[in-house]
C-alpha atoms as a PDB file:
ATOM      1  CA  MET A   1     112.092  97.328 102.967  1.00  0.00           C
ATOM      2  CA  ASP A   2     109.244  96.779 100.576  1.00  0.00           C
ATOM      3  CA  SER A   3     109.488  93.786  98.178  1.00  0.00           C
ATOM      4  CA  PHE A   4     109.228  94.577  94.439  1.00  0.00           C
ATOM      5  CA  LYS A   5     108.685  92.501  91.407  1.00  0.00           C
ATOM      6  CA  PHE A   6     109.268  93.615  88.112  1.00  0.00           C
ATOM      7  CA  SER A   7     109.880  90.287  86.286  1.00  0.00           C
ATOM      8  CA  GLY A   8     107.860  86.889  85.862  1.00  0.00           C
ATOM      9  CA  HIS A   9     106.001  88.087  82.561  1.00  0.00           C
ATOM     10  CA  GLU A  10     108.825  86.797  80.519  1.00  0.00           C
ATOM     11  CA  THR A  11     108.424  89.938  78.346  1.00  0.00           C
ATOM     12  CA  PHE A  12     104.729  89.201  77.479  1.00  0.00           C
ATOM     13  CA  ALA A  13     102.073  91.620  78.023  1.00  0.00           C
ATOM     14  CA  CYS A  14      98.722  89.996  78.985  1.00  0.00           C
ATOM     15  CA  ARG A  15      96.648  88.840  76.136  1.00  0.00           C
ATOM     16  CA  HIS A  16      92.876  89.396  76.035  1.00  0.00           C
ATOM     17  CA  TYR A  17      91.895  85.577  76.187  1.00  0.00           C
ATOM     18  CA  TRP A  18      94.616  84.566  78.546  1.00  0.00           C
ATOM     19  CA  LEU A  19      92.709  85.287  81.801  1.00  0.00           C
ATOM     20  CA  LYS A  20      89.721  82.889  80.944  1.00  0.00           C
ATOM     21  CA  LYS A  21      92.151  80.436  79.514  1.00  0.00           C
ATOM     22  CA  GLY A  22      94.116  80.359  82.524  1.00  0.00           C
ATOM     23  CA  TYR A  23      90.869  80.328  84.816  1.00  0.00           C
ATOM     24  CA  ASP A  24      89.563  77.238  82.940  1.00  0.00           C
ATOM     25  CA  PHE A  25      93.184  75.584  83.453  1.00  0.00           C
ATOM     26  CA  VAL A  26      93.285  76.114  87.259  1.00  0.00           C
ATOM     27  CA  ALA A  27      89.603  75.197  87.561  1.00  0.00           C
ATOM     28  CA  HIS A  28      90.311  71.948  85.964  1.00  0.00           C
ATOM     29  CA  GLN A  29      92.894  71.312  88.651  1.00  0.00           C
ATOM     30  CA  LYS A  30      95.790  71.708  86.441  1.00  0.00           C
ATOM     31  CA  LYS A  31      99.288  72.745  87.490  1.00  0.00           C
ATOM     32  CA  PHE A  32     101.608  75.270  85.761  1.00  0.00           C
ATOM     33  CA  THR A  33     104.679  73.267  86.564  1.00  0.00           C
ATOM     34  CA  ALA A  34     103.252  70.213  84.834  1.00  0.00           C
ATOM     35  CA  ASP A  35     104.929  68.753  81.807  1.00  0.00           C
ATOM     36  CA  ASP A  36     101.556  68.929  79.822  1.00  0.00           C
ATOM     37  CA  ALA A  37     100.638  72.649  80.880  1.00  0.00           C
ATOM     38  CA  VAL A  38     102.087  73.761  77.376  1.00  0.00           C
ATOM     39  CA  VAL A  39      99.633  71.265  75.536  1.00  0.00           C
ATOM     40  CA  ASP A  40      96.596  72.244  77.868  1.00  0.00           C
ATOM     41  CA  LEU A  41      97.144  75.946  77.502  1.00  0.00           C
ATOM     42  CA  GLY A  42      98.194  75.778  73.820  1.00  0.00           C
ATOM     43  CA  VAL A  43     101.107  78.098  74.124  1.00  0.00           C
ATOM     44  CA  GLY A  44     105.079  78.048  74.701  1.00  0.00           C
ATOM     45  CA  LYS A  45     106.843  77.297  77.908  1.00  0.00           C
ATOM     46  CA  ASN A  46     107.523  80.922  78.332  1.00  0.00           C
ATOM     47  CA  MET A  47     103.717  81.924  77.801  1.00  0.00           C
ATOM     48  CA  VAL A  48     102.866  79.445  80.360  1.00  0.00           C
ATOM     49  CA  ILE A  49     105.023  81.112  82.920  1.00  0.00           C
ATOM     50  CA  SER A  50     103.596  84.606  81.784  1.00  0.00           C
ATOM     51  CA  ILE A  51      99.906  83.204  82.157  1.00  0.00           C
ATOM     52  CA  HIS A  52     100.727  82.108  85.564  1.00  0.00           C
ATOM     53  CA  TYR A  53     102.236  85.529  86.414  1.00  0.00           C
ATOM     54  CA  TRP A  54      99.205  87.300  85.097  1.00  0.00           C
ATOM     55  CA  LEU A  55      96.594  85.410  86.815  1.00  0.00           C
ATOM     56  CA  ARG A  56      98.402  86.201  90.061  1.00  0.00           C
ATOM     57  CA  ALA A  57      98.886  90.087  88.883  1.00  0.00           C
ATOM     58  CA  PHE A  58      95.164  90.457  88.277  1.00  0.00           C
ATOM     59  CA  ASP A  59      94.290  88.540  91.450  1.00  0.00           C
ATOM     60  CA  ILE A  60      92.570  85.689  89.608  1.00  0.00           C
ATOM     61  CA  ILE A  61      94.523  83.314  91.991  1.00  0.00           C
ATOM     62  CA  ASP A  62      96.162  83.728  95.430  1.00  0.00           C
ATOM     63  CA  ASP A  63      99.752  82.908  96.276  1.00  0.00           C
ATOM     64  CA  LYS A  64      98.827  79.103  96.520  1.00  0.00           C
ATOM     65  CA  ASP A  65      97.323  79.029  92.907  1.00  0.00           C
ATOM     66  CA  ASP A  66      93.755  78.828  94.295  1.00  0.00           C
ATOM     67  CA  LEU A  67      91.113  80.716  92.511  1.00  0.00           C
ATOM     68  CA  THR A  68      89.793  83.678  94.227  1.00  0.00           C
ATOM     69  CA  ASP A  69      86.102  84.295  94.815  1.00  0.00           C
ATOM     70  CA  LEU A  70      85.769  87.532  92.371  1.00  0.00           C
ATOM     71  CA  ALA A  71      87.682  85.094  89.669  1.00  0.00           C
ATOM     72  CA  GLN A  72      84.818  82.587  89.880  1.00  0.00           C
ATOM     73  CA  CYS A  73      82.256  85.469  89.757  1.00  0.00           C
ATOM     74  CA  LEU A  74      83.787  86.998  86.685  1.00  0.00           C
ATOM     75  CA  PHE A  75      85.162  83.828  84.670  1.00  0.00           C
ATOM     76  CA  SER A  76      83.327  80.845  85.407  1.00  0.00           C
ATOM     77  CA  ASP A  77      81.176  79.659  82.143  1.00  0.00           C
ATOM     78  CA  ASN A  78      78.138  81.242  83.752  1.00  0.00           C
ATOM     79  CA  GLY A  79      80.066  84.164  85.119  1.00  0.00           C
ATOM     80  CA  TRP A  80      79.582  87.773  84.800  1.00  0.00           C
ATOM     81  CA  ASP A  81      81.955  88.491  82.032  1.00  0.00           C
ATOM     82  CA  PRO A  82      84.202  85.546  81.160  1.00  0.00           C
ATOM     83  CA  PHE A  83      85.133  86.919  77.766  1.00  0.00           C
ATOM     84  CA  LEU A  84      85.983  90.704  79.006  1.00  0.00           C
ATOM     85  CA  GLU A  85      82.921  91.969  76.839  1.00  0.00           C
ATOM     86  CA  ASP A  86      82.176  94.753  79.302  1.00  0.00           C
ATOM     87  CA  GLU A  87      84.519  97.504  79.656  1.00  0.00           C
ATOM     88  CA  ALA A  88      83.486  97.786  83.312  1.00  0.00           C
ATOM     89  CA  THR A  89      85.379  94.602  83.713  1.00  0.00           C
ATOM     90  CA  LEU A  90      88.713  95.931  82.227  1.00  0.00           C
ATOM     91  CA  TRP A  91      88.316  98.903  84.797  1.00  0.00           C
ATOM     92  CA  LEU A  92      88.028  96.276  87.629  1.00  0.00           C
ATOM     93  CA  LEU A  93      90.930  94.308  86.194  1.00  0.00           C
ATOM     94  CA  HIS A  94      92.944  97.706  86.202  1.00  0.00           C
ATOM     95  CA  TYR A  95      91.960  98.398  89.915  1.00  0.00           C
ATOM     96  CA  LYS A  96      92.937  94.922  91.053  1.00  0.00           C
ATOM     97  CA  LEU A  97      96.356  95.061  89.181  1.00  0.00           C
ATOM     98  CA  HIS A  98      97.047  98.349  90.956  1.00  0.00           C
ATOM     99  CA  LYS A  99      95.762  97.358  94.406  1.00  0.00           C
ATOM    100  CA  LYS A 100      97.421  93.792  94.686  1.00  0.00           C
ATOM    101  CA  ARG A 101     100.868  95.347  93.757  1.00  0.00           C
ATOM    102  CA  TYR A 102     102.239  91.537  92.519  1.00  0.00           C
ATOM    103  CA  ALA A 103     103.414  93.586  89.619  1.00  0.00           C
ATOM    104  CA  SER A 104     105.031  96.450  91.193  1.00  0.00           C
ATOM    105  CA  ILE A 105     105.350  98.912  88.231  1.00  0.00           C
ATOM    106  CA  TYR A 106     101.585  99.639  87.971  1.00  0.00           C
ATOM    107  CA  HIS A 107     101.065 100.920  91.308  1.00  0.00           C
ATOM    108  CA  ILE A 108     104.392 102.789  91.469  1.00  0.00           C
ATOM    109  CA  ILE A 109     103.690 104.504  88.107  1.00  0.00           C
ATOM    110  CA  PHE A 110      99.994 105.420  88.942  1.00  0.00           C
ATOM    111  CA  SER A 111     100.287 106.285  92.644  1.00  0.00           C
ATOM    112  CA  GLU A 112     103.855 107.613  92.951  1.00  0.00           C
ATOM    113  CA  LEU A 113     105.843 108.365  89.596  1.00  0.00           C
ATOM    114  CA  ARG A 114     103.230 110.498  88.135  1.00  0.00           C
ATOM    115  CA  LYS A 115     102.848 112.673  91.013  1.00  0.00           C
ATOM    116  CA  HIS A 116     106.464 113.697  90.689  1.00  0.00           C
ATOM    117  CA  LYS A 117     106.520 113.738  86.949  1.00  0.00           C
ATOM    118  CA  PRO A 118     103.447 114.175  85.201  1.00  0.00           C
ATOM    119  CA  GLU A 119     105.115 113.822  81.956  1.00  0.00           C
ATOM    120  CA  PHE A 120     107.508 110.938  82.391  1.00  0.00           C
ATOM    121  CA  THR A 121     109.878 108.905  80.381  1.00  0.00           C
ATOM    122  CA  ARG A 122     111.445 105.328  80.764  1.00  0.00           C
ATOM    123  CA  LYS A 123     114.597 107.080  81.978  1.00  0.00           C
ATOM    124  CA  HIS A 124     112.277 108.802  84.585  1.00  0.00           C
ATOM    125  CA  PHE A 125     110.901 105.669  85.746  1.00  0.00           C
ATOM    126  CA  PHE A 126     114.623 104.009  86.183  1.00  0.00           C
ATOM    127  CA  SER A 127     115.660 107.319  87.993  1.00  0.00           C
ATOM    128  CA  PHE A 128     112.780 107.395  90.311  1.00  0.00           C
ATOM    129  CA  LEU A 129     113.127 103.554  91.335  1.00  0.00           C
ATOM    130  CA  THR A 130     116.826 104.097  91.940  1.00  0.00           C
ATOM    131  CA  ASN A 131     116.434 107.007  94.148  1.00  0.00           C
ATOM    132  CA  GLU A 132     113.419 106.102  95.924  1.00  0.00           C
ATOM    133  CA  LYS A 133     113.350 102.088  96.220  1.00  0.00           C
ATOM    134  CA  GLY A 134     116.657 100.643  95.547  1.00  0.00           C
ATOM    135  CA  ASN A 135     118.955  99.090  93.049  1.00  0.00           C
ATOM    136  CA  PHE A 136     117.663  97.122  90.098  1.00  0.00           C
ATOM    137  CA  THR A 137     118.862  95.878  87.036  1.00  0.00           C
ATOM    138  CA  GLU A 138     118.362  98.231  83.886  1.00  0.00           C
ATOM    139  CA  ARG A 139     117.245  95.494  81.685  1.00  0.00           C
ATOM    140  CA  THR A 140     114.887  94.212  83.991  1.00  0.00           C
ATOM    141  CA  LEU A 141     113.141  97.561  84.441  1.00  0.00           C
ATOM    142  CA  ARG A 142     113.392  98.280  80.759  1.00  0.00           C
ATOM    143  CA  ASP A 143     111.432  94.963  79.959  1.00  0.00           C
ATOM    144  CA  ASP A 144     108.991  95.853  82.745  1.00  0.00           C
ATOM    145  CA  PHE A 145     108.462  99.091  81.323  1.00  0.00           C
ATOM    146  CA  SER A 146     107.890  97.933  77.965  1.00  0.00           C
ATOM    147  CA  VAL A 147     105.271  95.439  79.294  1.00  0.00           C
ATOM    148  CA  PHE A 148     103.403  98.253  81.120  1.00  0.00           C
ATOM    149  CA  ASN A 149     103.553 100.363  77.813  1.00  0.00           C
ATOM    150  CA  ARG A 150     102.151  97.393  75.882  1.00  0.00           C
ATOM    151  CA  THR A 151      99.459  96.791  78.357  1.00  0.00           C
ATOM    152  CA  TYR A 152      98.065 100.284  78.416  1.00  0.00           C
ATOM    153  CA  LEU A 153      99.090 102.265  75.192  1.00  0.00           C
ATOM    154  CA  ASN A 154      96.400 102.369  72.639  1.00  0.00           C
ATOM    155  CA  ASP A 155      98.532 102.199  69.682  1.00  0.00           C
ATOM    156  CA  SER A 156      98.279  99.247  67.408  1.00  0.00           C
ATOM    157  CA  SER A 157     101.628  99.943  65.927  1.00  0.00           C
ATOM    158  CA  LYS A 158     103.426  98.815  69.121  1.00  0.00           C
ATOM    159  CA  ASP A 159     102.267  95.294  68.432  1.00  0.00           C
ATOM    160  CA  VAL A 160     100.758  94.256  65.066  1.00  0.00           C
ATOM    161  CA  GLU A 161     100.919  90.508  65.711  1.00  0.00           C
ATOM    162  CA  ASP A 162      97.385  89.158  64.954  1.00  0.00           C
ATOM    163  CA  GLY A 163      95.877  92.580  65.453  1.00  0.00           C
ATOM    164  CA  TYR A 164      97.120  92.160  69.246  1.00  0.00           C
ATOM    165  CA  SER A 165      96.323  95.296  71.428  1.00  0.00           C
ATOM    166  CA  GLY A 166      97.223  95.642  75.205  1.00  0.00           C
ATOM    167  CA  LEU A 167      94.407  94.184  77.530  1.00  0.00           C
ATOM    168  CA  LEU A 168      93.746  97.693  79.097  1.00  0.00           C
ATOM    169  CA  SER A 169      94.501  99.718  76.037  1.00  0.00           C
ATOM    170  CA  ASP A 170      90.890 100.749  75.589  1.00  0.00           C
ATOM    171  CA  LEU A 171      90.809 102.416  78.639  1.00  0.00           C
ATOM    172  CA  ASN A 172      92.788 105.234  77.335  1.00  0.00           C
ATOM    173  CA  LEU A 173      94.657 105.927  80.503  1.00  0.00           C
ATOM    174  CA  LEU A 174      98.216 106.247  79.163  1.00  0.00           C
ATOM    175  CA  ARG A 175      99.162 108.617  76.344  1.00  0.00           C
ATOM    176  CA  GLU A 176     102.365 108.954  74.327  1.00  0.00           C
ATOM    177  CA  LEU A 177     103.294 112.537  74.005  1.00  0.00           C
ATOM    178  CA  LYS A 178     106.362 112.640  72.056  1.00  0.00           C
ATOM    179  CA  LYS A 179     107.447 109.453  70.057  1.00  0.00           C
ATOM    180  CA  GLN A 180     111.335 109.590  70.372  1.00  0.00           C
ATOM    181  CA  LYS A 181     114.217 107.149  71.419  1.00  0.00           C
ATOM    182  CA  ASP A 182     112.875 107.967  75.064  1.00  0.00           C
ATOM    183  CA  SER A 183     109.269 108.720  74.571  1.00  0.00           C
ATOM    184  CA  VAL A 184     107.507 111.049  76.924  1.00  0.00           C
ATOM    185  CA  TYR A 185     104.307 109.590  78.499  1.00  0.00           C
ATOM    186  CA  ASN A 186     101.423 111.164  80.476  1.00  0.00           C
ATOM    187  CA  ILE A 187      98.366 109.583  82.557  1.00  0.00           C
ATOM    188  CA  GLU A 188      96.098 112.869  82.634  1.00  0.00           C
ATOM    189  CA  ASN A 189      93.342 113.291  85.394  1.00  0.00           C
ATOM    190  CA  LYS A 190      90.146 113.305  83.552  1.00  0.00           C
ATOM    191  CA  GLU A 191      86.253 113.165  84.325  1.00  0.00           C
ATOM    192  CA  ARG A 192      85.959 109.588  82.844  1.00  0.00           C
ATOM    193  CA  SER A 193      82.419 109.444  82.982  1.00  0.00           C
ATOM    194  CA  ASN A 194      82.290 106.253  81.159  1.00  0.00           C
ATOM    195  CA  ILE A 195      83.317 104.308  84.486  1.00  0.00           C
ATOM    196  CA  PRO A 196      80.447 102.704  86.047  1.00  0.00           C
ATOM    197  CA  PRO A 197      79.860 104.202  89.489  1.00  0.00           C
ATOM    198  CA  GLU A 198      79.546 100.574  90.856  1.00  0.00           C
ATOM    199  CA  ILE A 199      83.246 100.053  89.963  1.00  0.00           C
ATOM    200  CA  ILE A 200      84.275 103.170  91.759  1.00  0.00           C
ATOM    201  CA  LEU A 201      82.205 102.108  94.879  1.00  0.00           C
ATOM    202  CA  TYR A 202      83.645  98.609  94.891  1.00  0.00           C
ATOM    203  CA  SER A 203      87.163 100.194  94.888  1.00  0.00           C
ATOM    204  CA  ILE A 204      86.083 102.305  97.930  1.00  0.00           C
ATOM    205  CA  LEU A 205      84.338  99.322  99.863  1.00  0.00           C
ATOM    206  CA  ASP A 206      87.267  97.183  99.037  1.00  0.00           C
ATOM    207  CA  ASN A 207      89.918  99.646 100.749  1.00  0.00           C
ATOM    208  CA  GLU A 208      90.358  98.287 104.271  1.00  0.00           C
ATOM    209  CA  ARG A 209      91.696 101.751 105.531  1.00  0.00           C
ATOM    210  CA  TYR A 210      88.297 103.540 104.869  1.00  0.00           C
ATOM    211  CA  GLY A 211      85.809 103.751 107.799  1.00  0.00           C
ATOM    212  CA  ASN A 212      82.110 104.787 107.649  1.00  0.00           C
ATOM    213  CA  SER A 213      83.255 108.574 106.979  1.00  0.00           C
ATOM    214  CA  ILE A 214      85.520 109.295 104.295  1.00  0.00           C
ATOM    215  CA  SER A 215      86.667 112.760 103.223  1.00  0.00           C
ATOM    216  CA  PHE A 216      86.497 113.775  99.721  1.00  0.00           C
ATOM    217  CA  ASP A 217      90.351 114.625  99.693  1.00  0.00           C
ATOM    218  CA  SER A 218      91.169 111.136 100.906  1.00  0.00           C
ATOM    219  CA  LEU A 219      89.120 109.791  97.817  1.00  0.00           C
ATOM    220  CA  TYR A 220      91.091 112.032  95.352  1.00  0.00           C
ATOM    221  CA  LEU A 221      94.522 112.102  96.859  1.00  0.00           C
ATOM    222  CA  ASP A 222      95.292 108.693  98.668  1.00  0.00           C
ATOM    223  CA  GLU A 223      97.436 106.265  96.934  1.00  0.00           C
ATOM    224  CA  ASN A 224      94.757 103.722  96.823  1.00  0.00           C
ATOM    225  CA  GLY A 225      91.832 105.905  96.391  1.00  0.00           C
ATOM    226  CA  PRO A 226      89.508 106.210  93.232  1.00  0.00           C
ATOM    227  CA  GLY A 227      91.082 109.339  92.351  1.00  0.00           C
ATOM    228  CA  THR A 228      94.636 108.232  91.863  1.00  0.00           C
ATOM    229  CA  ILE A 229      93.748 104.689  90.522  1.00  0.00           C
ATOM    230  CA  PHE A 230      91.358 105.596  87.917  1.00  0.00           C
ATOM    231  CA  ALA A 231      93.177 108.888  87.187  1.00  0.00           C
ATOM    232  CA  LEU A 232      90.057 111.221  87.876  1.00  0.00           C
ATOM    233  CA  ASN A 233      90.303 114.884  88.172  1.00  0.00           C
ATOM    234  CA  LYS A 234      87.972 116.640  91.079  1.00  0.00           C
ATOM    235  CA  ASP A 235      85.185 117.155  88.874  1.00  0.00           C
ATOM    236  CA  GLY A 236      85.214 113.449  87.763  1.00  0.00           C
ATOM    237  CA  LEU A 237      85.313 112.158  91.119  1.00  0.00           C
ATOM    238  CA  LEU A 238      82.761 114.555  92.342  1.00  0.00           C
ATOM    239  CA  GLU A 239      80.498 113.307  89.608  1.00  0.00           C
ATOM    240  CA  GLN A 240      81.140 109.786  90.381  1.00  0.00           C
ATOM    241  CA  ILE A 241      80.445 110.174  94.196  1.00  0.00           C
ATOM    242  CA  GLN A 242      77.208 111.878  93.442  1.00  0.00           C
ATOM    243  CA  ARG A 243      76.248 109.019  91.314  1.00  0.00           C
ATOM    244  CA  VAL A 244      77.090 106.305  93.841  1.00  0.00           C
ATOM    245  CA  SER A 245      74.923 108.300  96.376  1.00  0.00           C
ATOM    246  CA  GLU A 246      72.122 108.411  94.151  1.00  0.00           C
ATOM    247  CA  LEU A 247      72.297 104.569  93.391  1.00  0.00           C
ATOM    248  CA  TYR A 248      72.325 103.665  96.792  1.00  0.00           C
ATOM    249  CA  PRO A 249      70.372 106.388  98.864  1.00  0.00           C
ATOM    250  CA  LYS A 250      69.584 104.248 101.661  1.00  0.00           C
ATOM    251  CA  ASN A 251      73.113 103.128 102.324  1.00  0.00           C
ATOM    252  CA  ILE A 252      75.170 106.423 101.488  1.00  0.00           C
ATOM    253  CA  VAL A 253      74.997 110.040 102.085  1.00  0.00           C
ATOM    254  CA  PHE A 254      77.430 112.610 100.186  1.00  0.00           C
ATOM    255  CA  ASN A 255      77.977 115.956 102.187  1.00  0.00           C
ATOM    256  CA  ASN A 256      78.875 118.327  99.495  1.00  0.00           C
ATOM    257  CA  ASN A 257      79.736 121.410 101.619  1.00  0.00           C
ATOM    258  CA  PRO A 258      82.931 122.334 100.474  1.00  0.00           C
ATOM    259  CA  LEU A 259      84.153 122.950 104.020  1.00  0.00           C
ATOM    260  CA  VAL A 260      83.404 119.382 104.884  1.00  0.00           C
ATOM    261  CA  ARG A 261      83.155 117.316 101.727  1.00  0.00           C
ATOM    262  CA  GLN A 262      82.639 113.653 102.778  1.00  0.00           C
ATOM    263  CA  ILE A 263      80.832 110.419 101.821  1.00  0.00           C
ATOM    264  CA  GLN A 264      79.250 108.708 105.038  1.00  0.00           C
ATOM    265  CA  PHE A 265      77.774 105.183 105.048  1.00  0.00           C
ATOM    266  CA  LYS A 266      74.694 104.510 107.006  1.00  0.00           C
ATOM    267  CA  GLY A 267      75.013 101.603 109.543  1.00  0.00           C
ATOM    268  CA  LYS A 268      77.020  98.649 108.320  1.00  0.00           C
ATOM    269  CA  LYS A 269      78.827  98.910 105.058  1.00  0.00           C
ATOM    270  CA  MET A 270      77.696  97.141 102.206  1.00  0.00           C
ATOM    271  CA  LYS A 271      79.900  94.009 101.140  1.00  0.00           C
ATOM    272  CA  PRO A 272      82.133  95.013  97.976  1.00  0.00           C
ATOM    273  CA  VAL A 273      80.891  92.078  95.916  1.00  0.00           C
ATOM    274  CA  LYS A 274      77.121  92.836  96.373  1.00  0.00           C
ATOM    275  CA  VAL A 275      77.783  96.101  94.290  1.00  0.00           C
ATOM    276  CA  LEU A 276      79.374  94.371  91.549  1.00  0.00           C
ATOM    277  CA  GLU A 277      76.489  91.598  91.522  1.00  0.00           C
ATOM    278  CA  ASP A 278      74.060  94.708  91.247  1.00  0.00           C
ATOM    279  CA  TYR A 279      76.000  95.983  88.137  1.00  0.00           C
ATOM    280  CA  TYR A 280      76.472  92.804  86.199  1.00  0.00           C
ATOM    281  CA  ASN A 281      72.890  91.459  87.115  1.00  0.00           C
ATOM    282  CA  LYS A 282      70.913  94.569  86.453  1.00  0.00           C
ATOM    283  CA  ASP A 283      70.074  93.723  82.826  1.00  0.00           C
ATOM    284  CA  ALA A 284      69.667  90.106  83.680  1.00  0.00           C
END
């Protein structure tokens, strides 16, 4: 049976500045269990626990609390985007949150629940987990669903403290269709032309299951494919793959024959981080 995690955030959604603050804390070889962690991070004890949780959830640190290579590229003082000023970084963090599965709810809702229930409520989430995954306490699931909601929903009325909005709310992935006691939500597949093609390509290259030839249907339907993770419709994914092949014509061929539609990599596949370097350094 798979291991699932629906707690650890202490009911706090990730704040905009927490990842950089947490990165610096770890980079200075500080420990989250130390008595002075609350002083060093400038937050309460429960928020220290939450920051630690979100660093793992977004793949900023590994299970030994060591900084990942990608974290150092992004969040060092001379990093690509330490203060999350580029929306591409938010899409990248969304991808990491989904793929790592340290926080189980994100993969479950994006890759599983919404395929069963395109319009879903908190009760649908509870029922799906109970029927498909096992038994969990309702309070834990309720709190986790609330954090999911606050992470993605672009609605300032949900939390007006200090003008706070969810870290990934600007991506406009989650919509609240009906505001009621058990509100109805939807994550609609759209074209999403605002996602840089390099982020899409990174997610493809970072997928260990993909070889040198990948069918369009796999990219669209796979639970860790870009179509699912980024909530793209077919036209949107098609546009992204075409943009990717135009960016790297020496490395990528896209066969757009409706009978055999697939992307092919020529020779040795590119390293995922190289694509991100190209994106973040193109205006340097």
